[in-house]
Amino acid sequence: MPSEAPSSVPSVMPARRAPSSRSALKWVIMLGALACLPALTVDMYLPALPQVASDLRTTDALAQLTVSCMLVGGALGQLVIGPLTDRFGRRLPLMIGIGMHVLVSLACAVVDDVNMLIGLRLMQGFFNSAASVAAMATVRDRFVGAEAARILSRLMLVIGVAPMLAPSLGSIVLEAFEWRWIFVVLALIGATLAVIVFFVMPETNPVARRTTGGASSVVRGYRTLLRDKHFMALALIPGLAMGALLSYVVGSPFVFQQGYGLTHGQFSLLFAVNGLGLVLSAQVNAALVRRVAPIRLLRTALVAQLVMSLVLLTVAITEFGGLIGLLVALWLVLAFQGLIPANASALAMSRHGEIAGTSAAMIGAIQSLLAGIVSPIVGLLGSDTVAMSSVMLGAGLAAFVVLATATPAYRKGGWHTPI
């Protein structure tokens, strides 16, 4: 069982010959850049949320919805684009998706109504999900065995760095221009990726290996997954974990910039430090999973994160330790995040290897959809520290309840019971 099960990996036959180290590095950089596009589109925009709410004369909750709707669009995009990359190859859906990302980004830059911006962000998430879907699928196409595991580990590290740097890049844009220019920069990033794909990235899913079934075969695959309650339970957990993470993501600009008066630069630095915790925990998980069963890591991490979420809410309510106390508790909650989605996804993917691509698309779609549903609750509750902490605790509690009630993980003998 792999240590990391990417949420958008279509089912294809891997390449049989391992590439050289130099070639592997090229693929890591190229595919990492592609896989980072959705994260950049979310995180570059975060420091601008208060400005967006003010400029468009709207509420904090609707401003946060422009982030959440992109995640919902990404969920729908994975369900649609994942099977298309199996049917038509990686490059064509990828080029169309990136091209539409560029056009929609430019439209976002000139919009003057929050409802229109919400709709455009939904479209942006749908189309740029092609980048992450195709990137993860290409790893499965190109690499095999231990080499694949090593490349995926490096790729996850590249993806983990993006949220650390993106708010800083967004803050630099905001220092010189208004928030609309963030979308211009995102359009330029998309155009650059399109050029790289067109001239550098070969097609890794040849015609002989492409799927030939129509829509009915896709529907049958999704129906099989929906009927497997253990799969669905495990697929829900990464989504709830991502909901907790995105509650922090959408709430933190208001909590720290408005509530604590941090500047754009200070907020970006704080965001980077918390992102470092996520990266470190993901790498710790990659090392531990070689010796400890994923179900054990998942069960332990869910309990630990739930306890720390209770501590975070207590600190938020009592204001114990001030800003430093809040940051320490928040960092510890986020540090357990890297041990949850990967292990839950790996366990879920192991149940349906014959439709691995469909399984991965389902997990990724649920993850984006739940994150898009859960995170706006922060705005509805007031966008303050208690609201953010409460939603994070609620999502963590829901994940724990799902694992405890819908799988045998916490039952007698559960340490050894296959799920």
Protein backbone atom coordinates (compact mmCIF):
# COMPACT_ATOMS: atom_id res chain seq x y z
CA MET A 1 0.00 0.00 0.00
CA PRO A 2 1.46 3.41 -0.90
CA SER A 3 2.19 5.93 1.75
CA GLU A 4 0.44 8.68 -0.16
CA ALA A 5 -2.64 8.23 -2.31
CA PRO A 6 -3.18 11.35 -4.39
CA SER A 7 -6.82 12.28 -4.62
CA SER A 8 -6.95 12.66 -8.37
CA VAL A 9 -4.98 9.78 -9.91
CA PRO A 10 -6.78 8.14 -12.84
CA SER A 11 -6.30 4.41 -13.34
CA VAL A 12 -3.65 3.79 -16.00
CA MET A 13 -0.84 1.32 -16.56
CA PRO A 14 2.49 2.71 -15.31
CA ALA A 15 5.58 3.04 -17.42
CA ARG A 16 7.90 0.02 -17.19
CA ARG A 17 11.26 1.77 -17.34
CA ALA A 18 12.39 4.02 -14.52
CA PRO A 19 13.80 7.35 -15.72
CA SER A 20 17.13 8.88 -14.77
CA SER A 21 17.50 11.15 -11.74
CA ARG A 22 17.82 14.23 -13.96
CA SER A 23 14.67 13.26 -15.85
CA ALA A 24 12.86 12.59 -12.58
CA LEU A 25 13.78 16.06 -11.31
CA LYS A 26 12.39 17.60 -14.49
CA TRP A 27 9.10 15.79 -14.00
CA VAL A 28 8.89 16.77 -10.32
CA ILE A 29 9.32 20.46 -11.15
CA MET A 30 6.93 20.41 -14.10
CA LEU A 31 4.20 18.33 -12.49
CA GLY A 32 4.62 20.12 -9.18
CA ALA A 33 4.02 23.45 -10.90
CA LEU A 34 0.86 22.08 -12.48
CA ALA A 35 -0.44 20.52 -9.28
CA CYS A 36 0.13 23.79 -7.42
CA LEU A 37 -2.15 25.85 -9.67
CA PRO A 38 -5.36 25.31 -7.66
CA ALA A 39 -3.52 25.98 -4.38
CA LEU A 40 -2.00 29.17 -5.78
CA THR A 41 -5.41 30.29 -6.98
CA VAL A 42 -6.79 29.93 -3.45
CA ASP A 43 -3.86 31.12 -1.34
CA MET A 44 -2.62 34.11 -3.33
CA TYR A 45 -6.09 35.57 -2.96
CA LEU A 46 -6.40 35.13 0.82
CA PRO A 47 -4.74 38.39 1.95
CA ALA A 48 -7.15 40.27 -0.34
CA LEU A 49 -10.36 38.98 1.26
CA PRO A 50 -10.92 42.03 3.50
CA GLN A 51 -10.29 44.33 0.52
CA VAL A 52 -12.67 42.35 -1.67
CA ALA A 53 -15.43 42.60 0.93
CA SER A 54 -14.90 46.36 1.22
CA ASP A 55 -14.48 47.11 -2.49
CA LEU A 56 -17.49 45.08 -3.59
CA ARG A 57 -19.55 46.38 -0.64
CA THR A 58 -20.41 42.92 0.61
CA THR A 59 -20.19 40.83 3.79
CA ASP A 60 -17.24 38.83 5.05
CA ALA A 61 -19.28 35.65 4.54
CA LEU A 62 -19.86 36.36 0.83
CA ALA A 63 -16.21 37.30 0.37
CA GLN A 64 -15.21 33.95 1.90
CA LEU A 65 -17.71 32.24 -0.39
CA THR A 66 -15.54 33.28 -3.35
CA VAL A 67 -12.94 30.88 -1.93
CA SER A 68 -15.36 28.10 -1.04
CA CYS A 69 -17.07 28.13 -4.43
CA MET A 70 -13.76 27.59 -6.15
CA LEU A 71 -13.37 24.41 -4.09
CA VAL A 72 -16.86 23.26 -5.06
CA GLY A 73 -15.98 23.91 -8.70
CA GLY A 74 -12.81 21.89 -8.22
CA ALA A 75 -14.85 18.99 -6.87
CA LEU A 76 -17.11 18.97 -9.92
CA GLY A 77 -14.11 19.41 -12.20
CA GLN A 78 -12.34 16.36 -10.83
CA LEU A 79 -15.40 14.18 -11.37
CA VAL A 80 -15.69 15.31 -14.98
CA ILE A 81 -12.08 15.87 -16.05
CA GLY A 82 -10.60 12.77 -14.37
CA PRO A 83 -12.42 10.31 -16.67
CA LEU A 84 -11.78 12.61 -19.66
CA THR A 85 -8.01 12.33 -19.16
CA ASP A 86 -8.38 8.54 -19.25
CA ARG A 87 -10.43 8.76 -22.44
CA PHE A 88 -8.66 11.49 -24.43
CA GLY A 89 -5.16 11.57 -22.94
CA ARG A 90 -3.60 14.03 -20.50
CA ARG A 91 -2.59 16.94 -22.71
CA LEU A 92 -5.87 17.89 -24.41
CA PRO A 93 -8.04 18.22 -21.26
CA LEU A 94 -5.10 19.88 -19.52
CA MET A 95 -4.60 22.52 -22.22
CA ILE A 96 -8.32 23.29 -22.37
CA GLY A 97 -8.53 23.53 -18.58
CA ILE A 98 -5.53 25.86 -18.26
CA GLY A 99 -6.75 27.99 -21.17
CA MET A 100 -10.13 28.46 -19.52
CA HIS A 101 -8.38 29.24 -16.23
CA VAL A 102 -6.60 32.12 -17.95
CA LEU A 103 -9.81 33.53 -19.45
CA VAL A 104 -11.80 33.21 -16.22
CA SER A 105 -8.98 34.81 -14.22
CA LEU A 106 -9.04 37.83 -16.49
CA ALA A 107 -12.81 38.04 -16.10
CA CYS A 108 -12.40 37.98 -12.30
CA ALA A 109 -10.03 40.94 -12.58
CA VAL A 110 -12.74 43.23 -14.00
CA VAL A 111 -15.81 42.04 -12.12
CA ASP A 112 -17.70 44.58 -9.97
CA ASP A 113 -20.33 42.35 -8.33
CA VAL A 114 -19.68 39.75 -5.65
CA ASN A 115 -22.28 37.34 -7.01
CA MET A 116 -20.61 37.40 -10.42
CA LEU A 117 -17.23 36.88 -8.76
CA ILE A 118 -18.62 33.86 -6.89
CA GLY A 119 -19.84 32.36 -10.18
CA LEU A 120 -16.53 33.00 -11.91
CA ARG A 121 -14.59 31.44 -9.04
CA LEU A 122 -16.78 28.35 -9.34
CA MET A 123 -15.78 28.14 -13.02
CA GLN A 124 -12.13 28.82 -12.18
CA GLY A 125 -12.06 25.90 -9.74
CA PHE A 126 -13.74 23.61 -12.26
CA PHE A 127 -11.27 24.29 -15.06
CA ASN A 128 -8.00 24.55 -13.15
CA SER A 129 -8.69 21.21 -11.46
CA ALA A 130 -7.46 19.81 -14.79
CA ALA A 131 -3.93 20.80 -13.74
CA SER A 132 -3.86 18.73 -10.56
CA VAL A 133 -5.78 15.82 -12.12
CA ALA A 134 -3.43 15.56 -15.08
CA ALA A 135 -0.31 16.02 -12.92
CA MET A 136 -1.17 13.18 -10.57
CA ALA A 137 -2.28 10.94 -13.42
CA THR A 138 0.99 11.55 -15.22
CA VAL A 139 2.95 10.36 -12.18
CA ARG A 140 1.12 7.05 -12.41
CA ASP A 141 1.73 6.93 -16.17
CA ARG A 142 5.42 7.71 -16.04
CA PHE A 143 6.80 6.13 -12.87
CA VAL A 144 6.58 2.71 -11.29
CA GLY A 145 7.21 0.99 -7.94
CA ALA A 146 9.64 2.59 -5.49
CA GLU A 147 10.47 5.33 -8.00
CA ALA A 148 6.82 6.32 -8.13
CA ALA A 149 6.65 6.51 -4.33
CA ARG A 150 9.77 8.66 -4.23
CA ILE A 151 8.49 11.03 -6.92
CA LEU A 152 5.12 11.34 -5.21
CA SER A 153 6.81 12.19 -1.91
CA ARG A 154 8.81 14.96 -3.56
CA LEU A 155 5.76 16.14 -5.43
CA MET A 156 3.79 16.42 -2.20
CA LEU A 157 6.62 18.50 -0.77
CA VAL A 158 6.47 20.87 -3.74
CA ILE A 159 2.69 21.13 -3.38
CA GLY A 160 3.08 21.75 0.35
CA VAL A 161 5.43 24.69 -0.23
CA ALA A 162 2.92 26.50 -2.48
CA PRO A 163 0.53 27.55 0.30
CA MET A 164 3.52 28.87 2.26
CA LEU A 165 4.66 31.17 -0.53
CA ALA A 166 1.39 32.09 -2.24
CA PRO A 167 0.06 34.54 0.40
CA SER A 168 3.42 36.34 0.36
CA LEU A 169 3.17 36.70 -3.41
CA GLY A 170 -0.39 37.94 -3.02
CA SER A 171 0.75 40.45 -0.40
CA ILE A 172 3.47 41.76 -2.73
CA VAL A 173 0.84 42.34 -5.41
CA LEU A 174 -1.44 44.08 -2.89
CA GLU A 175 1.37 46.37 -1.76
CA ALA A 176 1.80 47.67 -5.30
CA PHE A 177 -1.69 47.29 -6.77
CA GLU A 178 -5.26 46.48 -5.81
CA TRP A 179 -6.70 42.98 -5.35
CA ARG A 180 -7.80 42.65 -8.98
CA TRP A 181 -4.18 42.37 -10.10
CA ILE A 182 -3.90 39.08 -8.23
CA PHE A 183 -6.12 37.56 -10.92
CA VAL A 184 -3.96 39.10 -13.64
CA VAL A 185 -0.94 37.39 -12.08
CA LEU A 186 -2.87 34.11 -11.89
CA ALA A 187 -3.71 34.46 -15.59
CA LEU A 188 -0.02 34.98 -16.38
CA ILE A 189 0.91 31.91 -14.33
CA GLY A 190 -1.67 29.87 -16.23
CA ALA A 191 -0.40 31.12 -19.59
CA THR A 192 3.17 30.19 -18.61
CA LEU A 193 2.06 26.69 -17.63
CA ALA A 194 0.21 26.31 -20.93
CA VAL A 195 3.38 27.14 -22.85
CA ILE A 196 5.37 24.61 -20.80
CA VAL A 197 2.78 21.90 -21.38
CA PHE A 198 2.59 22.61 -25.10
CA PHE A 199 6.36 22.59 -25.74
CA VAL A 200 7.79 20.34 -23.00
CA MET A 201 5.27 17.88 -21.62
CA PRO A 202 4.70 14.78 -23.76
CA GLU A 203 1.52 12.73 -23.83
CA THR A 204 1.91 9.96 -21.25
CA ASN A 205 -1.38 8.17 -21.85
CA PRO A 206 -1.07 6.65 -25.33
CA VAL A 207 -4.10 5.73 -27.39
CA ALA A 208 -3.59 2.00 -26.78
CA ARG A 209 -4.05 2.44 -23.02
CA ARG A 210 -6.97 4.85 -23.04
CA THR A 211 -10.38 3.84 -21.81
CA THR A 212 -13.04 3.18 -24.42
CA GLY A 213 -16.18 2.95 -22.30
CA GLY A 214 -18.75 5.70 -22.47
CA ALA A 215 -20.62 7.56 -19.78
CA SER A 216 -22.38 4.38 -18.65
CA SER A 217 -19.10 2.76 -17.51
CA VAL A 218 -18.20 5.88 -15.52
CA VAL A 219 -21.61 5.87 -13.86
CA ARG A 220 -21.27 2.17 -12.99
CA GLY A 221 -17.92 2.83 -11.35
CA TYR A 222 -19.28 5.67 -9.22
CA ARG A 223 -22.32 3.56 -8.28
CA THR A 224 -20.02 0.79 -7.05
CA LEU A 225 -18.20 3.23 -4.80
CA LEU A 226 -21.38 4.77 -3.43
CA ARG A 227 -22.59 1.33 -2.36
CA ASP A 228 -19.39 0.59 -0.39
CA LYS A 229 -20.02 2.19 3.01
CA HIS A 230 -16.46 1.64 4.24
CA PHE A 231 -15.04 3.31 1.15
CA MET A 232 -17.42 6.24 1.49
CA ALA A 233 -16.58 6.63 5.18
CA LEU A 234 -12.86 6.70 4.45
CA ALA A 235 -13.46 9.09 1.53
CA LEU A 236 -15.36 11.48 3.80
CA ILE A 237 -12.48 11.81 6.25
CA PRO A 238 -10.06 13.67 3.91
CA GLY A 239 -12.93 16.02 3.03
CA LEU A 240 -13.71 16.78 6.66
CA ALA A 241 -10.00 17.25 7.39
CA MET A 242 -9.78 19.62 4.44
CA GLY A 243 -12.87 21.41 5.76
CA ALA A 244 -11.04 22.05 9.02
CA LEU A 245 -7.99 23.28 7.13
CA LEU A 246 -10.00 25.57 4.85
CA SER A 247 -11.88 26.96 7.83
CA TYR A 248 -8.49 28.20 9.00
CA VAL A 249 -7.59 29.34 5.48
CA VAL A 250 -10.71 31.48 4.92
CA GLY A 251 -10.98 32.68 8.51
CA SER A 252 -7.36 33.56 9.22
CA PRO A 253 -7.20 36.79 7.14
CA PHE A 254 -10.06 38.25 9.18
CA VAL A 255 -8.86 36.83 12.50
CA PHE A 256 -5.27 38.00 12.20
CA GLN A 257 -5.48 41.06 9.94
CA GLN A 258 -8.67 42.58 11.33
CA GLY A 259 -8.84 41.01 14.79
CA TYR A 260 -5.14 41.28 15.71
CA GLY A 261 -4.12 44.07 13.32
CA LEU A 262 -1.38 42.17 11.48
CA THR A 263 -0.10 43.62 8.20
CA HIS A 264 -0.20 41.73 4.89
CA GLY A 265 3.45 40.80 5.35
CA GLN A 266 3.04 39.64 8.93
CA PHE A 267 0.02 37.55 7.97
CA SER A 268 1.95 35.96 5.11
CA LEU A 269 4.81 35.07 7.47
CA LEU A 270 2.37 33.53 9.94
CA PHE A 271 0.71 31.57 7.13
CA ALA A 272 4.11 30.30 6.00
CA VAL A 273 5.01 29.08 9.51
CA ASN A 274 1.75 27.17 9.75
CA GLY A 275 2.32 25.80 6.27
CA LEU A 276 5.69 24.51 7.45
CA GLY A 277 3.88 22.44 10.07
CA LEU A 278 1.77 20.86 7.35
CA VAL A 279 4.80 20.04 5.22
CA LEU A 280 6.72 18.54 8.14
CA SER A 281 3.81 16.36 9.23
CA ALA A 282 3.32 15.08 5.67
CA GLN A 283 6.98 14.08 5.50
CA VAL A 284 6.82 12.47 8.96
CA ASN A 285 3.82 10.47 7.77
CA ALA A 286 5.71 9.33 4.68
CA ALA A 287 8.47 7.98 6.93
CA LEU A 288 6.18 6.43 9.55
CA VAL A 289 3.90 4.67 7.12
CA ARG A 290 6.74 2.31 6.15
CA ARG A 291 6.70 0.87 9.68
CA VAL A 292 3.24 1.66 11.07
CA ALA A 293 -0.06 0.65 9.45
CA PRO A 294 -1.96 3.59 7.92
CA ILE A 295 -5.06 2.76 9.99
CA ARG A 296 -3.08 3.16 13.22
CA LEU A 297 -1.66 6.50 12.11
CA LEU A 298 -5.11 7.68 11.04
CA ARG A 299 -6.80 6.71 14.30
CA THR A 300 -4.10 8.27 16.43
CA ALA A 301 -3.92 11.48 14.38
CA LEU A 302 -7.70 12.01 14.46
CA VAL A 303 -7.79 11.70 18.26
CA ALA A 304 -4.74 13.95 18.71
CA GLN A 305 -6.11 16.62 16.38
CA LEU A 306 -9.48 16.51 18.11
CA VAL A 307 -7.84 17.08 21.50
CA MET A 308 -5.76 19.97 20.17
CA SER A 309 -8.84 21.48 18.54
CA LEU A 310 -10.52 21.52 21.95
CA VAL A 311 -7.45 23.29 23.33
CA LEU A 312 -7.59 25.80 20.45
CA LEU A 313 -11.24 26.63 21.12
CA THR A 314 -10.52 27.01 24.83
CA VAL A 315 -7.69 29.43 24.08
CA ALA A 316 -9.92 31.34 21.65
CA ILE A 317 -12.68 31.73 24.24
CA THR A 318 -10.47 32.54 27.24
CA GLU A 319 -7.80 34.46 25.27
CA PHE A 320 -5.24 32.59 27.36
CA GLY A 321 -1.72 33.41 26.19
CA GLY A 322 -2.94 36.10 23.79
CA LEU A 323 -1.79 35.91 20.20
CA ILE A 324 1.14 33.61 21.02
CA GLY A 325 -1.09 31.11 22.81
CA LEU A 326 -3.49 31.07 19.88
CA LEU A 327 -0.69 30.57 17.34
CA VAL A 328 0.86 27.68 19.29
CA ALA A 329 -2.47 25.87 19.64
CA LEU A 330 -3.32 26.49 15.98
CA TRP A 331 0.07 25.21 14.80
CA LEU A 332 -0.39 21.98 16.74
CA VAL A 333 -3.86 21.42 15.26
CA LEU A 334 -2.53 21.93 11.74
CA ALA A 335 0.55 19.78 12.40
CA PHE A 336 -1.63 16.66 12.62
CA GLN A 337 -3.30 17.48 9.30
CA GLY A 338 -0.58 15.80 7.24
CA LEU A 339 -1.30 12.43 8.89
CA ILE A 340 -5.02 12.32 8.11
CA PRO A 341 -5.96 12.78 4.41
CA ALA A 342 -3.07 10.70 3.03
CA ASN A 343 -3.75 7.65 5.21
CA ALA A 344 -7.52 7.79 4.79
CA SER A 345 -7.12 8.10 1.01
CA ALA A 346 -4.65 5.21 0.88
CA LEU A 347 -7.03 2.95 2.80
CA ALA A 348 -9.96 3.93 0.59
CA MET A 349 -8.00 3.46 -2.64
CA SER A 350 -6.95 -0.03 -1.59
CA ARG A 351 -10.56 -1.23 -1.71
CA HIS A 352 -11.15 -0.73 -5.44
CA GLY A 353 -7.92 -1.13 -7.37
CA GLU A 354 -9.81 -2.15 -10.51
CA ILE A 355 -11.31 1.36 -10.75
CA ALA A 356 -8.51 3.30 -9.09
CA GLY A 357 -9.02 6.36 -11.28
CA THR A 358 -12.70 6.61 -10.46
CA SER A 359 -11.93 6.01 -6.78
CA ALA A 360 -9.35 8.79 -6.76
CA ALA A 361 -11.70 11.22 -8.52
CA MET A 362 -14.45 10.45 -6.00
CA ILE A 363 -12.11 11.04 -3.04
CA GLY A 364 -10.84 14.30 -4.51
CA ALA A 365 -14.33 15.52 -5.36
CA ILE A 366 -15.67 14.77 -1.88
CA GLN A 367 -12.63 16.47 -0.39
CA SER A 368 -13.16 19.69 -2.34
CA LEU A 369 -16.94 19.62 -1.92
CA LEU A 370 -16.88 19.17 1.85
CA ALA A 371 -14.20 21.82 2.23
CA GLY A 372 -16.36 24.17 0.17
CA ILE A 373 -19.41 23.45 2.34
CA VAL A 374 -17.74 23.56 5.76
CA SER A 375 -15.44 26.58 5.41
CA PRO A 376 -18.16 29.25 4.75
CA ILE A 377 -19.62 28.49 8.19
CA VAL A 378 -16.76 30.53 9.65
CA GLY A 379 -18.12 33.64 7.95
CA LEU A 380 -21.69 32.88 9.00
CA LEU A 381 -20.57 32.60 12.64
CA GLY A 382 -18.77 35.94 12.58
CA SER A 383 -15.26 35.38 11.12
CA ASP A 384 -13.63 35.76 14.53
CA THR A 385 -11.28 33.49 16.46
CA VAL A 386 -14.06 31.56 18.21
CA ALA A 387 -15.93 31.02 14.92
CA MET A 388 -12.83 29.67 13.18
CA SER A 389 -11.88 27.43 16.11
CA SER A 390 -15.44 26.11 16.50
CA VAL A 391 -15.71 25.06 12.88
CA MET A 392 -12.29 23.40 12.96
CA LEU A 393 -13.35 21.47 16.08
CA GLY A 394 -16.67 20.49 14.51
CA ALA A 395 -15.02 19.15 11.35
CA GLY A 396 -12.49 17.18 13.39
CA LEU A 397 -15.22 15.72 15.59
CA ALA A 398 -17.25 14.71 12.52
CA ALA A 399 -14.21 12.90 11.04
CA PHE A 400 -13.66 11.03 14.30
CA VAL A 401 -17.33 10.00 14.48
CA VAL A 402 -17.31 8.79 10.86
CA LEU A 403 -14.27 6.58 11.41
CA ALA A 404 -15.59 5.27 14.73
CA THR A 405 -19.13 4.47 13.59
CA ALA A 406 -18.87 3.60 9.89
CA THR A 407 -15.72 1.45 9.96
CA PRO A 408 -14.33 -1.22 12.34
CA ALA A 409 -11.32 0.98 13.12
CA TYR A 410 -12.09 1.53 16.81
CA ARG A 411 -13.78 -1.81 17.51
CA LYS A 412 -12.20 -4.72 19.36
CA GLY A 413 -9.35 -6.04 17.27
CA GLY A 414 -9.47 -2.93 15.14
CA TRP A 415 -5.67 -2.57 15.19
CA HIS A 416 -5.52 -5.62 12.95
CA THR A 417 -8.92 -5.60 11.22
CA PRO A 418 -8.67 -4.68 7.52
CA ILE A 419 -11.09 -1.95 6.53
